[in-house]
C-alpha atoms as a PDB file:
ATOM      1  CA  MET A   1       0.003  -0.145   0.002  1.00  0.00           C
ATOM      2  CA  THR A   2       1.650   3.371  -0.831  1.00  0.00           C
ATOM      3  CA  ALA A   3       2.023   6.181   1.535  1.00  0.00           C
ATOM      4  CA  SER A   4      -1.046   8.457   2.803  1.00  0.00           C
ATOM      5  CA  LEU A   5      -1.845  12.247   1.818  1.00  0.00           C
ATOM      6  CA  GLY A   6      -0.932  12.916   5.233  1.00  0.00           C
ATOM      7  CA  THR A   7       2.276  10.687   5.286  1.00  0.00           C
ATOM      8  CA  LEU A   8       3.182  12.451   1.817  1.00  0.00           C
ATOM      9  CA  LEU A   9       2.496  15.930   3.410  1.00  0.00           C
ATOM     10  CA  THR A  10       4.363  15.395   6.366  1.00  0.00           C
ATOM     11  CA  ASP A  11       7.251  13.936   5.040  1.00  0.00           C
ATOM     12  CA  SER A  12       7.341  16.803   2.177  1.00  0.00           C
ATOM     13  CA  TRP A  13       7.718  19.314   5.028  1.00  0.00           C
ATOM     14  CA  GLY A  14      10.242  17.578   6.947  1.00  0.00           C
ATOM     15  CA  SER A  15      12.392  17.388   3.676  1.00  0.00           C
ATOM     16  CA  PHE A  16      11.640  21.047   3.264  1.00  0.00           C
ATOM     17  CA  ARG A  17      12.575  22.087   6.518  1.00  0.00           C
ATOM     18  CA  ARG A  18      15.763  19.912   6.748  1.00  0.00           C
ATOM     19  CA  ALA A  19      16.732  21.824   3.275  1.00  0.00           C
ATOM     20  CA  LEU A  20      15.603  24.983   4.178  1.00  0.00           C
ATOM     21  CA  THR A  21      18.939  26.836   3.478  1.00  0.00           C
ATOM     22  CA  PRO A  22      19.536  25.453  -0.078  1.00  0.00           C
ATOM     23  CA  ILE A  23      15.745  26.100  -0.990  1.00  0.00           C
ATOM     24  CA  LEU A  24      16.256  29.606   0.437  1.00  0.00           C
ATOM     25  CA  VAL A  25      19.019  30.660  -1.536  1.00  0.00           C
ATOM     26  CA  GLY A  26      17.557  28.961  -4.581  1.00  0.00           C
ATOM     27  CA  ALA A  27      14.183  31.200  -4.303  1.00  0.00           C
ATOM     28  CA  VAL A  28      16.033  34.405  -3.631  1.00  0.00           C
ATOM     29  CA  LEU A  29      18.245  33.642  -6.537  1.00  0.00           C
ATOM     30  CA  PHE A  30      15.143  32.345  -8.968  1.00  0.00           C
ATOM     31  CA  GLY A  31      12.577  34.903  -7.557  1.00  0.00           C
ATOM     32  CA  LEU A  32      14.990  37.835  -8.120  1.00  0.00           C
ATOM     33  CA  VAL A  33      15.756  36.708 -11.735  1.00  0.00           C
ATOM     34  CA  MET A  34      11.977  36.768 -12.218  1.00  0.00           C
ATOM     35  CA  ALA A  35      10.999  39.706 -10.749  1.00  0.00           C
ATOM     36  CA  ILE A  36      13.556  41.678 -12.743  1.00  0.00           C
ATOM     37  CA  GLY A  37      12.208  40.234 -15.945  1.00  0.00           C
ATOM     38  CA  GLN A  38       8.459  41.121 -14.754  1.00  0.00           C
ATOM     39  CA  SER A  39       9.464  44.588 -13.985  1.00  0.00           C
ATOM     40  CA  PHE A  40      11.197  44.790 -17.287  1.00  0.00           C
ATOM     41  CA  VAL A  41       8.275  43.841 -19.106  1.00  0.00           C
ATOM     42  CA  GLY A  42       5.917  45.180 -17.177  1.00  0.00           C
ATOM     43  CA  GLN A  43       7.730  48.742 -17.579  1.00  0.00           C
ATOM     44  CA  ARG A  44       7.702  48.336 -21.432  1.00  0.00           C
ATOM     45  CA  VAL A  45       4.082  47.593 -21.437  1.00  0.00           C
ATOM     46  CA  ALA A  46       3.320  50.379 -19.137  1.00  0.00           C
ATOM     47  CA  GLN A  47       5.259  52.767 -21.484  1.00  0.00           C
ATOM     48  CA  LYS A  48       3.379  51.347 -24.723  1.00  0.00           C
ATOM     49  CA  ALA A  49      -0.156  51.927 -22.671  1.00  0.00           C
ATOM     50  CA  GLY A  50       0.846  55.416 -21.521  1.00  0.00           C
ATOM     51  CA  SER A  51       1.611  56.636 -24.888  1.00  0.00           C
ATOM     52  CA  VAL A  52      -1.590  55.370 -26.250  1.00  0.00           C
ATOM     53  CA  PHE A  53      -3.762  56.412 -23.144  1.00  0.00           C
ATOM     54  CA  GLU A  54      -1.838  60.158 -23.588  1.00  0.00           C
ATOM     55  CA  ASN A  55      -2.657  60.057 -27.437  1.00  0.00           C
ATOM     56  CA  MET A  56      -6.413  59.434 -26.363  1.00  0.00           C
ATOM     57  CA  GLY A  57      -6.440  62.145 -23.917  1.00  0.00           C
ATOM     58  CA  PHE A  58      -6.038  60.968 -21.060  1.00  0.00           C
ATOM     59  CA  ASP A  59      -3.556  62.144 -18.257  1.00  0.00           C
ATOM     60  CA  PRO A  60      -1.005  59.364 -17.682  1.00  0.00           C
ATOM     61  CA  GLN A  61      -0.410  60.311 -14.164  1.00  0.00           C
ATOM     62  CA  GLN A  62      -4.052  59.914 -13.250  1.00  0.00           C
ATOM     63  CA  MET A  63      -4.373  56.827 -14.994  1.00  0.00           C
ATOM     64  CA  GLN A  64      -1.304  55.272 -12.998  1.00  0.00           C
ATOM     65  CA  GLU A  65      -2.675  56.809  -9.827  1.00  0.00           C
ATOM     66  CA  LEU A  66      -6.253  55.226 -10.806  1.00  0.00           C
ATOM     67  CA  GLN A  67      -4.498  51.548 -11.167  1.00  0.00           C
ATOM     68  CA  GLN A  68      -2.847  52.129  -8.008  1.00  0.00           C
ATOM     69  CA  ARG A  69      -5.952  52.590  -6.118  1.00  0.00           C
ATOM     70  CA  ILE A  70      -7.640  49.614  -8.136  1.00  0.00           C
ATOM     71  CA  GLN A  71      -4.813  47.357  -7.080  1.00  0.00           C
ATOM     72  CA  MET A  72      -5.503  48.441  -3.344  1.00  0.00           C
ATOM     73  CA  GLY A  73      -9.531  47.743  -3.982  1.00  0.00           C
ATOM     74  CA  ASP A  74     -10.644  51.316  -4.152  1.00  0.00           C
ATOM     75  CA  GLU A  75     -14.063  50.619  -5.582  1.00  0.00           C
ATOM     76  CA  ALA A  76     -14.136  54.579  -6.538  1.00  0.00           C
ATOM     77  CA  ALA A  77     -11.441  54.251  -8.483  1.00  0.00           C
ATOM     78  CA  MET A  78     -12.984  51.690 -10.635  1.00  0.00           C
ATOM     79  CA  ASN A  79     -16.123  53.836 -10.812  1.00  0.00           C
ATOM     80  CA  GLU A  80     -13.800  56.451 -11.994  1.00  0.00           C
ATOM     81  CA  LEU A  81     -12.014  54.196 -14.723  1.00  0.00           C
ATOM     82  CA  ALA A  82     -15.405  53.331 -15.767  1.00  0.00           C
ATOM     83  CA  GLN A  83     -16.614  56.953 -16.423  1.00  0.00           C
ATOM     84  CA  GLN A  84     -13.376  57.976 -18.160  1.00  0.00           C
ATOM     85  CA  MET A  85     -14.082  54.815 -20.609  1.00  0.00           C
ATOM     86  CA  GLU A  86     -17.598  55.825 -21.343  1.00  0.00           C
ATOM     87  CA  LYS A  87     -16.377  59.250 -22.488  1.00  0.00           C
ATOM     88  CA  LEU A  88     -14.407  57.207 -25.276  1.00  0.00           C
ATOM     89  CA  GLY A  89     -17.763  56.606 -27.429  1.00  0.00           C
ATOM     90  CA  GLY A  90     -18.114  56.037 -30.949  1.00  0.00           C
ATOM     91  CA  SER A  91     -15.465  56.858 -33.269  1.00  0.00           C
ATOM     92  CA  GLU A  92     -13.150  57.541 -30.190  1.00  0.00           C
ATOM     93  CA  GLY A  93     -13.534  54.371 -28.789  1.00  0.00           C
ATOM     94  CA  GLU A  94     -12.946  52.731 -32.101  1.00  0.00           C
ATOM     95  CA  ALA A  95      -9.813  54.673 -32.636  1.00  0.00           C
ATOM     96  CA  MET A  96      -8.489  53.482 -29.015  1.00  0.00           C
ATOM     97  CA  ALA A  97      -9.594  50.124 -29.723  1.00  0.00           C
ATOM     98  CA  GLY A  98      -7.509  50.090 -32.559  1.00  0.00           C
ATOM     99  CA  ALA A  99      -4.511  51.756 -30.961  1.00  0.00           C
ATOM    100  CA  VAL A 100      -4.415  49.138 -28.090  1.00  0.00           C
ATOM    101  CA  GLY A 101      -4.715  46.381 -30.868  1.00  0.00           C
ATOM    102  CA  SER A 102      -1.897  47.897 -32.619  1.00  0.00           C
ATOM    103  CA  MET A 103       0.279  48.429 -29.159  1.00  0.00           C
ATOM    104  CA  TYR A 104       0.009  44.841 -28.424  1.00  0.00           C
ATOM    105  CA  THR A 105       1.027  43.641 -32.076  1.00  0.00           C
ATOM    106  CA  SER A 106       3.771  45.382 -31.593  1.00  0.00           C
ATOM    107  CA  LEU A 107       4.662  43.880 -27.922  1.00  0.00           C
ATOM    108  CA  LEU A 108       4.000  40.228 -29.297  1.00  0.00           C
ATOM    109  CA  PRO A 109       7.611  39.712 -29.921  1.00  0.00           C
ATOM    110  CA  MET A 110       9.036  40.736 -26.582  1.00  0.00           C
ATOM    111  CA  LEU A 111       6.149  39.029 -24.569  1.00  0.00           C
ATOM    112  CA  GLY A 112       6.685  36.012 -26.594  1.00  0.00           C
ATOM    113  CA  ALA A 113      10.329  36.089 -25.600  1.00  0.00           C
ATOM    114  CA  SER A 114       9.818  37.235 -21.944  1.00  0.00           C
ATOM    115  CA  MET A 115       7.495  34.080 -21.690  1.00  0.00           C
ATOM    116  CA  LEU A 116      10.044  31.756 -23.054  1.00  0.00           C
ATOM    117  CA  ILE A 117      13.049  33.246 -20.881  1.00  0.00           C
ATOM    118  CA  MET A 118      10.319  33.029 -18.043  1.00  0.00           C
ATOM    119  CA  TRP A 119       9.799  29.221 -18.548  1.00  0.00           C
ATOM    120  CA  VAL A 120      13.288  28.219 -19.080  1.00  0.00           C
ATOM    121  CA  ILE A 121      14.112  29.929 -15.507  1.00  0.00           C
ATOM    122  CA  SER A 122      11.606  28.118 -14.495  1.00  0.00           C
ATOM    123  CA  LEU A 123      12.567  24.683 -15.813  1.00  0.00           C
ATOM    124  CA  ILE A 124      16.078  25.583 -14.292  1.00  0.00           C
ATOM    125  CA  ALA A 125      14.338  25.974 -11.033  1.00  0.00           C
ATOM    126  CA  SER A 126      12.301  22.806 -11.068  1.00  0.00           C
ATOM    127  CA  ALA A 127      15.826  20.857 -12.022  1.00  0.00           C
ATOM    128  CA  TYR A 128      17.338  22.427  -8.698  1.00  0.00           C
ATOM    129  CA  PHE A 129      14.656  21.894  -6.387  1.00  0.00           C
ATOM    130  CA  LEU A 130      14.271  18.102  -8.234  1.00  0.00           C
ATOM    131  CA  LEU A 131      17.800  17.538  -6.793  1.00  0.00           C
ATOM    132  CA  ILE A 132      16.941  18.618  -3.309  1.00  0.00           C
ATOM    133  CA  GLY A 133      13.665  16.729  -3.231  1.00  0.00           C
ATOM    134  CA  LEU A 134      15.745  13.572  -4.322  1.00  0.00           C
ATOM    135  CA  ASN A 135      18.293  14.193  -1.488  1.00  0.00           C
ATOM    136  CA  ASP A 136      17.279  16.844   1.281  1.00  0.00           C
ATOM    137  CA  LYS A 137      20.866  16.812   2.800  1.00  0.00           C
ATOM    138  CA  ILE A 138      22.345  18.392  -0.298  1.00  0.00           C
ATOM    139  CA  THR A 139      23.855  21.796  -0.465  1.00  0.00           C
ATOM    140  CA  PHE A 140      23.457  24.676  -2.156  1.00  0.00           C
ATOM    141  CA  GLN A 141      26.913  24.436  -4.202  1.00  0.00           C
ATOM    142  CA  ALA A 142      26.430  20.513  -4.593  1.00  0.00           C
ATOM    143  CA  ALA A 143      22.623  21.401  -6.546  1.00  0.00           C
ATOM    144  CA  ARG A 144      24.047  24.315  -8.341  1.00  0.00           C
ATOM    145  CA  ALA A 145      26.722  22.112  -9.553  1.00  0.00           C
ATOM    146  CA  ARG A 146      24.465  19.211 -10.783  1.00  0.00           C
ATOM    147  CA  THR A 147      22.031  21.670 -11.971  1.00  0.00           C
ATOM    148  CA  PRO A 148      23.333  22.620 -15.533  1.00  0.00           C
ATOM    149  CA  GLY A 149      23.596  18.979 -16.573  1.00  0.00           C
ATOM    150  CA  LEU A 150      19.915  18.332 -15.929  1.00  0.00           C
ATOM    151  CA  ILE A 151      18.576  21.402 -18.005  1.00  0.00           C
ATOM    152  CA  ILE A 152      18.521  19.507 -21.529  1.00  0.00           C
ATOM    153  CA  PRO A 153      17.523  15.869 -20.388  1.00  0.00           C
ATOM    154  CA  LEU A 154      14.742  17.662 -18.495  1.00  0.00           C
ATOM    155  CA  PHE A 155      14.003  19.853 -21.003  1.00  0.00           C
ATOM    156  CA  LEU A 156      13.364  17.165 -23.401  1.00  0.00           C
ATOM    157  CA  LEU A 157      11.504  14.937 -21.043  1.00  0.00           C
ATOM    158  CA  SER A 158       8.844  17.829 -20.647  1.00  0.00           C
ATOM    159  CA  LEU A 159       8.477  18.333 -24.162  1.00  0.00           C
ATOM    160  CA  TRP A 160       8.100  14.831 -25.101  1.00  0.00           C
ATOM    161  CA  VAL A 161       5.401  14.476 -22.173  1.00  0.00           C
ATOM    162  CA  MET A 162       3.629  17.430 -23.239  1.00  0.00           C
ATOM    163  CA  ILE A 163       3.371  15.909 -26.697  1.00  0.00           C
ATOM    164  CA  ARG A 164       1.964  12.931 -25.649  1.00  0.00           C
ATOM    165  CA  SER A 165      -0.243  14.590 -23.237  1.00  0.00           C
ATOM    166  CA  PHE A 166      -1.580  17.619 -24.745  1.00  0.00           C
ATOM    167  CA  ILE A 167      -1.325  16.743 -28.673  1.00  0.00           C
ATOM    168  CA  TRP A 168      -4.824  15.392 -28.215  1.00  0.00           C
ATOM    169  CA  ILE A 169      -6.308  18.483 -27.131  1.00  0.00           C
ATOM    170  CA  PRO A 170      -7.403  19.618 -30.818  1.00  0.00           C
ATOM    171  CA  ILE A 171      -9.012  16.223 -31.562  1.00  0.00           C
ATOM    172  CA  ILE A 172     -10.454  14.814 -28.269  1.00  0.00           C
ATOM    173  CA  GLY A 173     -10.267  17.578 -25.783  1.00  0.00           C
ATOM    174  CA  ILE A 174      -8.276  18.430 -22.362  1.00  0.00           C
ATOM    175  CA  ILE A 175      -9.842  15.494 -20.911  1.00  0.00           C
ATOM    176  CA  ILE A 176      -7.081  13.143 -22.290  1.00  0.00           C
ATOM    177  CA  ALA A 177      -4.601  15.523 -21.209  1.00  0.00           C
ATOM    178  CA  ILE A 178      -5.992  15.022 -17.435  1.00  0.00           C
ATOM    179  CA  ILE A 179      -5.887  11.431 -17.811  1.00  0.00           C
ATOM    180  CA  LEU A 180      -2.704  11.251 -19.302  1.00  0.00           C
ATOM    181  CA  GLY A 181      -0.767  13.795 -17.764  1.00  0.00           C
ATOM    182  CA  PRO A 182      -0.518  12.367 -14.055  1.00  0.00           C
ATOM    183  CA  ARG A 183       0.802   8.883 -15.392  1.00  0.00           C
ATOM    184  CA  PHE A 184       4.289  10.629 -15.897  1.00  0.00           C
ATOM    185  CA  VAL A 185       4.630  12.024 -12.654  1.00  0.00           C
ATOM    186  CA  CYS A 186       7.548   9.240 -12.039  1.00  0.00           C
ATOM    187  CA  ALA A 187       9.574  10.311 -15.454  1.00  0.00           C
ATOM    188  CA  PRO A 188      11.704  12.908 -13.519  1.00  0.00           C
ATOM    189  CA  LEU A 189      12.619  10.529 -10.837  1.00  0.00           C
ATOM    190  CA  LEU A 190      13.547   7.964 -13.545  1.00  0.00           C
ATOM    191  CA  LEU A 191      15.683  10.265 -15.289  1.00  0.00           C
ATOM    192  CA  VAL A 192      17.421  11.608 -12.785  1.00  0.00           C
ATOM    193  CA  ARG A 193      17.710   9.165 -10.074  1.00  0.00           C
ATOM    194  CA  ASP A 194      18.095   5.992 -11.971  1.00  0.00           C
ATOM    195  CA  HIS A 195      19.719   7.642 -15.070  1.00  0.00           C
ATOM    196  CA  LYS A 196      17.441   6.319 -17.693  1.00  0.00           C
ATOM    197  CA  GLY A 197      17.123   7.700 -21.116  1.00  0.00           C
ATOM    198  CA  VAL A 198      14.115  10.389 -21.904  1.00  0.00           C
ATOM    199  CA  LEU A 199      11.955   8.249 -23.887  1.00  0.00           C
ATOM    200  CA  GLU A 200      12.599   5.398 -21.383  1.00  0.00           C
ATOM    201  CA  SER A 201      11.608   7.518 -18.452  1.00  0.00           C
ATOM    202  CA  ALA A 202       8.253   8.792 -20.076  1.00  0.00           C
ATOM    203  CA  SER A 203       7.558   4.769 -21.281  1.00  0.00           C
ATOM    204  CA  MET A 204       8.668   3.124 -17.973  1.00  0.00           C
ATOM    205  CA  SER A 205       6.569   5.993 -15.508  1.00  0.00           C
ATOM    206  CA  TYR A 206       3.223   5.654 -17.822  1.00  0.00           C
ATOM    207  CA  ALA A 207       3.870   1.727 -17.015  1.00  0.00           C
ATOM    208  CA  LYS A 208       4.574   1.733 -13.671  1.00  0.00           C
ATOM    209  CA  THR A 209       1.636   4.457 -12.574  1.00  0.00           C
ATOM    210  CA  ARG A 210      -0.950   1.866 -14.075  1.00  0.00           C
ATOM    211  CA  GLY A 211      -3.858   1.909 -11.366  1.00  0.00           C
ATOM    212  CA  PHE A 212      -2.512   4.700  -9.560  1.00  0.00           C
ATOM    213  CA  TRP A 213      -3.865   7.568 -11.579  1.00  0.00           C
ATOM    214  CA  GLY A 214      -6.736   8.412  -8.752  1.00  0.00           C
ATOM    215  CA  LYS A 215      -3.907   8.674  -6.312  1.00  0.00           C
ATOM    216  CA  ILE A 216      -1.590  10.607  -8.315  1.00  0.00           C
ATOM    217  CA  PHE A 217      -4.301  13.252  -9.467  1.00  0.00           C
ATOM    218  CA  GLY A 218      -6.063  13.411  -6.184  1.00  0.00           C
ATOM    219  CA  ASN A 219      -2.864  13.765  -4.161  1.00  0.00           C
ATOM    220  CA  ILE A 220      -1.482  16.498  -6.389  1.00  0.00           C
ATOM    221  CA  PHE A 221      -4.615  17.964  -6.469  1.00  0.00           C
ATOM    222  CA  VAL A 222      -4.660  18.840  -2.412  1.00  0.00           C
ATOM    223  CA  ALA A 223      -1.115  19.271  -2.378  1.00  0.00           C
ATOM    224  CA  ALA A 224      -1.158  22.174  -4.954  1.00  0.00           C
ATOM    225  CA  LEU A 225      -4.497  23.436  -3.330  1.00  0.00           C
ATOM    226  CA  CYS A 226      -2.579  23.655   0.209  1.00  0.00           C
ATOM    227  CA  ALA A 227       0.660  25.519  -1.624  1.00  0.00           C
ATOM    228  CA  MET A 228      -2.038  27.956  -2.970  1.00  0.00           C
ATOM    229  CA  ILE A 229      -3.479  28.646   0.321  1.00  0.00           C
ATOM    230  CA  ALA A 230      -0.150  29.256   1.885  1.00  0.00           C
ATOM    231  CA  PHE A 231       0.839  31.591  -1.227  1.00  0.00           C
ATOM    232  CA  MET A 232      -2.054  33.669  -0.511  1.00  0.00           C
ATOM    233  CA  VAL A 233      -1.542  33.747   2.778  1.00  0.00           C
ATOM    234  CA  LEU A 234       2.149  34.953   2.406  1.00  0.00           C
ATOM    235  CA  GLY A 235       1.173  37.043  -0.106  1.00  0.00           C
ATOM    236  CA  PHE A 236      -1.497  39.135   2.134  1.00  0.00           C
ATOM    237  CA  VAL A 237       1.292  39.422   4.511  1.00  0.00           C
ATOM    238  CA  VAL A 238       3.682  40.671   1.899  1.00  0.00           C
ATOM    239  CA  GLY A 239       0.972  42.946   0.406  1.00  0.00           C
ATOM    240  CA  PHE A 240       1.562  45.054   3.781  1.00  0.00           C
ATOM    241  CA  PHE A 241       5.307  46.304   2.389  1.00  0.00           C
ATOM    242  CA  GLY A 242       3.806  47.768  -0.355  1.00  0.00           C
ATOM    243  CA  MET A 243       3.598  47.101  -4.299  1.00  0.00           C
ATOM    244  CA  GLY A 244       7.356  47.652  -5.127  1.00  0.00           C
ATOM    245  CA  ALA A 245       8.442  44.928  -2.212  1.00  0.00           C
ATOM    246  CA  ALA A 246       5.593  42.620  -3.083  1.00  0.00           C
ATOM    247  CA  SER A 247       6.914  42.954  -6.697  1.00  0.00           C
ATOM    248  CA  ILE A 248       9.936  41.267  -5.636  1.00  0.00           C
ATOM    249  CA  LEU A 249       8.919  39.527  -3.173  1.00  0.00           C
ATOM    250  CA  MET A 250       6.076  37.331  -4.245  1.00  0.00           C
ATOM    251  CA  PRO A 251       8.328  35.416  -7.358  1.00  0.00           C
ATOM    252  CA  MET A 252      10.378  34.136  -4.380  1.00  0.00           C
ATOM    253  CA  VAL A 253       7.250  33.094  -2.254  1.00  0.00           C
ATOM    254  CA  ASN A 254       6.396  31.503  -5.713  1.00  0.00           C
ATOM    255  CA  MET A 255       9.516  29.886  -6.023  1.00  0.00           C
ATOM    256  CA  LEU A 256       9.034  28.447  -2.024  1.00  0.00           C
ATOM    257  CA  ALA A 257       5.815  26.911  -3.047  1.00  0.00           C
ATOM    258  CA  THR A 258       7.433  25.429  -6.243  1.00  0.00           C
ATOM    259  CA  ALA A 259      10.039  23.782  -4.011  1.00  0.00           C
ATOM    260  CA  PHE A 260       7.370  22.162  -1.653  1.00  0.00           C
ATOM    261  CA  LEU A 261       5.449  20.994  -4.619  1.00  0.00           C
ATOM    262  CA  THR A 262       8.325  19.540  -6.562  1.00  0.00           C
ATOM    263  CA  ILE A 263       9.528  17.848  -2.795  1.00  0.00           C
ATOM    264  CA  PHE A 264       5.710  16.300  -2.693  1.00  0.00           C
ATOM    265  CA  VAL A 265       5.665  14.935  -6.358  1.00  0.00           C
ATOM    266  CA  VAL A 266       9.081  13.323  -5.650  1.00  0.00           C
ATOM    267  CA  LYS A 267       7.978  11.812  -2.577  1.00  0.00           C
ATOM    268  CA  LEU A 268       4.805  10.570  -4.223  1.00  0.00           C
ATOM    269  CA  GLY A 269       6.789   9.290  -7.435  1.00  0.00           C
ATOM    270  CA  THR A 270       9.034   7.259  -4.678  1.00  0.00           C
ATOM    271  CA  THR A 271       6.258   5.749  -3.004  1.00  0.00           C
ATOM    272  CA  ILE A 272       4.376   4.520  -6.159  1.00  0.00           C
ATOM    273  CA  LEU A 273       7.680   3.406  -7.681  1.00  0.00           C
ATOM    274  CA  SER A 274       8.234   1.218  -4.482  1.00  0.00           C
ATOM    275  CA  LYS A 275       5.051  -0.379  -5.037  1.00  0.00           C
ATOM    276  CA  ALA A 276       5.092  -0.623  -8.678  1.00  0.00           C
END
């Protein structure tokens, strides 16, 4: 019989605490890179949007103040913004829609490149936290040294799993992806821990998780829900430090959640492989 959800959560939290130092260092480094990238993209989008609103007769400073008030939950600011938008009826509204569409079109290359970069950073962070999940006594230096060698194999594995899980979406629907996706949960462990090849890891994971779909899906869903609640609570606390601090700290908090979920998936995959 595989480990229960409570045992998995307890063991994962124990490993998280034992490896707290390398996890914190990784969360700070990866989160900081994420924050810098998001800030750069946000500034470019804000500049483009500011020029569009300015050309349409809006005061950029006023729009920025309204945005900040809306983010703080000010309902009056939302009403003011709605009133401003109502003024842009008829041809002015159509002109603004065209300007906004042109703005997003011009930003597409940069947004696409930034999404690719963010995905690569997430992949590197996942490889780093995977090593910690497999050995909670590993040091930051050791994990950092091994991470580069895992990037390409894990990229190829994630690409192959994505193709096998989601290639059916245009034909049958996302239900097939939900059914197939959890079956590859053990693939990263087989790749890194057992030194299997990319295709072999995916095939072995699919074979060894036969009959465990419900346990995998249910446990990961509950663990993700717990991580999301913790993320929201920490986000609420971080919000007291102001928007500037939150934009830097929240990516780090996100990395902490990623670390815990990665450790949990490792524990789950390990217990399944031991019974398969």
